[in-house]
C-alpha atoms as a PDB file:
ATOM      1  CA  UNK A   1      -4.885   2.571  10.282  1.00  0.00           C
ATOM      2  CA  UNK A   2      -4.921   4.578   6.939  1.00  0.00           C
ATOM      3  CA  UNK A   3      -2.087   6.397   7.705  1.00  0.00           C
ATOM      4  CA  UNK A   4      -0.219   3.407   8.900  1.00  0.00           C
ATOM      5  CA  UNK A   5      -0.712   1.502   6.019  1.00  0.00           C
ATOM      6  CA  UNK A   6      -0.178   3.924   3.550  1.00  0.00           C
ATOM      7  CA  UNK A   7       3.196   4.442   5.221  1.00  0.00           C
ATOM      8  CA  UNK A   8       4.070   0.708   4.844  1.00  0.00           C
ATOM      9  CA  UNK A   9       2.912   0.405   1.494  1.00  0.00           C
ATOM     10  CA  UNK A  10       5.019   3.322   0.598  1.00  0.00           C
ATOM     11  CA  UNK A  11       7.781   1.479   2.292  1.00  0.00           C
ATOM     12  CA  UNK A  12       7.768  -1.149   0.468  1.00  0.00           C
ATOM     13  CA  UNK A  13       7.337   0.855  -2.806  1.00  0.00           C
ATOM     14  CA  UNK A  14      10.323   2.354  -2.083  1.00  0.00           C
ATOM     15  CA  UNK A  15      12.293  -0.939  -0.835  1.00  0.00           C
ATOM     16  CA  UNK A  16      11.586  -2.776  -4.053  1.00  0.00           C
ATOM     17  CA  UNK A  17      11.423  -0.343  -6.582  1.00  0.00           C
ATOM     18  CA  UNK A  18       8.280  -1.560  -7.907  1.00  0.00           C
ATOM     19  CA  UNK A  19       5.758   1.466  -9.672  1.00  0.00           C
ATOM     20  CA  UNK A  20       3.087   3.182  -7.391  1.00  0.00           C
ATOM     21  CA  UNK A  21       0.746   1.094  -9.827  1.00  0.00           C
ATOM     22  CA  UNK A  22       1.804  -2.264  -9.057  1.00  0.00           C
ATOM     23  CA  UNK A  23       1.527  -0.910  -4.888  1.00  0.00           C
ATOM     24  CA  UNK A  24      -1.777   0.342  -5.006  1.00  0.00           C
ATOM     25  CA  UNK A  25      -3.099  -2.359  -6.741  1.00  0.00           C
ATOM     26  CA  UNK A  26      -1.510  -4.612  -4.572  1.00  0.00           C
ATOM     27  CA  UNK A  27      -1.962  -2.337  -1.229  1.00  0.00           C
ATOM     28  CA  UNK A  28      -5.852  -1.994  -2.487  1.00  0.00           C
ATOM     29  CA  UNK A  29      -7.460  -4.796  -1.354  1.00  0.00           C
ATOM     30  CA  UNK A  30      -5.791  -4.549   2.080  1.00  0.00           C
ATOM     31  CA  UNK A  31      -7.020  -0.588   2.223  1.00  0.00           C
ATOM     32  CA  UNK A  32     -10.571  -2.112   1.658  1.00  0.00           C
ATOM     33  CA  UNK A  33     -10.422  -4.787   3.982  1.00  0.00           C
ATOM     34  CA  UNK A  34      -9.075  -2.448   6.757  1.00  0.00           C
ATOM     35  CA  UNK A  35     -12.349   0.540   5.662  1.00  0.00           C
ATOM     36  CA  UNK A  36     -15.017  -2.046   5.815  1.00  0.00           C
END
């Protein structure tokens, strides 16, 4: 699951061309929920 989420975030980052910080902040909550 984690690998899929990280790949998704990377794809979104490249598509939107958003700084990694924004991507991390946006994906973090989802990752935390997945881990919990």
